Protein backbone atom coordinates (compact mmCIF):
# COMPACT_ATOMS: atom_id res chain seq x y z
CA UNK A 1 28.24 -40.92 -32.62
CA UNK A 2 25.01 -41.12 -34.83
CA UNK A 3 24.74 -40.28 -38.43
CA UNK A 4 23.66 -36.70 -38.56
CA UNK A 5 21.82 -34.96 -41.44
CA UNK A 6 21.71 -30.86 -41.69
CA UNK A 7 19.61 -29.08 -43.88
CA UNK A 8 20.53 -26.01 -45.73
CA UNK A 9 17.76 -24.27 -43.70
CA UNK A 10 19.68 -25.17 -40.15
CA UNK A 11 23.21 -24.74 -41.12
CA UNK A 12 24.99 -21.42 -39.13
CA UNK A 13 24.66 -18.52 -41.44
CA UNK A 14 27.25 -15.89 -41.27
CA UNK A 15 29.10 -13.12 -43.41
CA UNK A 16 32.72 -12.71 -43.92
CA UNK A 17 33.11 -9.18 -45.65
CA UNK A 18 30.69 -9.89 -48.72
CA UNK A 19 31.25 -13.73 -48.33
CA UNK A 20 27.93 -15.63 -47.34
CA UNK A 21 29.08 -18.50 -45.28
CA UNK A 22 27.22 -21.61 -44.00
CA UNK A 23 28.66 -23.65 -41.30
CA UNK A 24 26.90 -27.13 -41.87
CA UNK A 25 28.73 -29.15 -38.92
CA UNK A 26 31.50 -29.21 -36.70
CA UNK A 27 32.66 -32.29 -34.59
CA UNK A 28 35.75 -32.47 -32.60
CA UNK A 29 37.45 -33.93 -35.68
CA UNK A 30 36.09 -31.72 -38.77
CA UNK A 31 34.44 -28.68 -39.56
CA UNK A 32 32.41 -28.45 -42.88
CA UNK A 33 30.63 -25.29 -44.54
CA UNK A 34 30.35 -23.26 -47.89
CA UNK A 35 31.01 -20.14 -49.08
CA UNK A 36 29.08 -18.12 -51.76
CA UNK A 37 30.55 -15.12 -53.75
CA UNK A 38 28.75 -13.19 -56.31
CA UNK A 39 30.43 -12.05 -59.81
CA UNK A 40 33.43 -9.97 -59.08
CA UNK A 41 33.30 -10.17 -55.09
CA UNK A 42 36.24 -10.84 -53.22
CA UNK A 43 35.82 -12.75 -50.06
CA UNK A 44 37.72 -11.53 -46.64
CA UNK A 45 41.31 -12.65 -45.97
CA UNK A 46 41.41 -15.82 -44.11
CA UNK A 47 44.64 -15.57 -42.14
CA UNK A 48 44.80 -19.56 -42.17
CA UNK A 49 44.68 -22.04 -39.39
CA UNK A 50 47.95 -22.67 -37.51
CA UNK A 51 47.01 -26.42 -36.50
CA UNK A 52 44.41 -27.16 -39.43
CA UNK A 53 44.39 -28.11 -43.14
CA UNK A 54 41.69 -26.94 -44.92
CA UNK A 55 40.18 -28.09 -48.50
CA UNK A 56 38.11 -25.88 -50.72
CA UNK A 57 36.15 -27.61 -53.60
CA UNK A 58 34.52 -25.46 -56.03
CA UNK A 59 30.92 -26.66 -56.44
CA UNK A 60 29.58 -23.93 -58.73
CA UNK A 61 31.64 -21.27 -60.61
CA UNK A 62 34.89 -20.06 -61.31
CA UNK A 63 37.27 -18.38 -58.58
CA UNK A 64 40.78 -17.25 -57.95
CA UNK A 65 42.34 -18.55 -54.77
CA UNK A 66 44.96 -15.81 -53.65
CA UNK A 67 47.73 -16.92 -51.37
CA UNK A 68 49.44 -13.68 -50.13
CA UNK A 69 52.76 -15.45 -48.75
CA UNK A 70 53.20 -16.85 -52.24
CA UNK A 71 52.16 -13.85 -54.18
CA UNK A 72 50.58 -16.37 -56.24
CA UNK A 73 46.87 -16.89 -57.79
CA UNK A 74 45.09 -20.18 -58.31
CA UNK A 75 42.78 -20.46 -60.95
CA UNK A 76 39.65 -23.03 -59.85
CA UNK A 77 36.77 -24.18 -62.06
CA UNK A 78 33.86 -26.14 -61.10
CA UNK A 79 35.09 -29.29 -60.05
CA UNK A 80 38.42 -28.38 -58.91
CA UNK A 81 39.74 -28.38 -55.25
CA UNK A 82 42.84 -26.94 -53.36
CA UNK A 83 44.53 -27.79 -50.27
CA UNK A 84 45.52 -25.29 -47.78
CA UNK A 85 48.33 -26.14 -45.46
CA UNK A 86 48.61 -24.90 -41.94
CA UNK A 87 48.77 -21.15 -41.29
CA UNK A 88 48.37 -20.19 -44.99
CA UNK A 89 46.32 -17.20 -45.40
CA UNK A 90 44.28 -17.14 -48.60
CA UNK A 91 41.24 -15.09 -50.21
CA UNK A 92 38.62 -16.10 -52.47
CA UNK A 93 37.64 -14.03 -55.53
CA UNK A 94 34.86 -14.81 -57.87
CA UNK A 95 35.85 -14.11 -61.70
CA UNK A 96 33.00 -16.06 -62.93
CA UNK A 97 29.55 -14.62 -64.39
CA UNK A 98 27.50 -16.58 -61.90
CA UNK A 99 27.39 -16.90 -57.94
CA UNK A 100 30.26 -19.03 -57.19
CA UNK A 101 29.69 -21.77 -54.52
CA UNK A 102 32.59 -23.22 -52.68
CA UNK A 103 32.80 -25.97 -49.89
CA UNK A 104 35.19 -26.20 -47.52
CA UNK A 105 36.20 -28.41 -44.87
CA UNK A 106 38.83 -28.01 -42.06
CA UNK A 107 40.46 -30.83 -39.82
CA UNK A 108 41.06 -30.67 -37.16
CA UNK A 109 38.58 -27.77 -36.16
CA UNK A 110 40.03 -24.82 -34.25
CA UNK A 111 39.08 -24.65 -30.52
C-alpha cells in the first residue's frame, strides 16, 4: 500500500442528524473521520459496531459522550479521548461555547 494523503476538500461529507461528518479514508483495516457539532447540538445515536472498536479524540471543544447501556455521561475536553468497545451505542453532545471537532477511528471497518 502506498502513502495516502487526503485533503479536507476531498473527504466524503455526510450528515448524521445535525452532526456534520467527514470520512477521510477507509482501508480494509481502518476508517478515519471527523464529526463537528455546534454549541448545544446533540449528534445522532450511533448504535455501535458489533465487530469494531471506535476511538474518539476531541480536537476542539467540550463534549459529553452518552453511553446508553450504562446510562452514563463521559465529559471530554480538548485533548481527551475515549474508547468505545464493540457494540456499545453512544451519542455526542456539544456542551461547550464553540464548535466541537471530534476525530474518530474504527478498526476494523464494518463491511
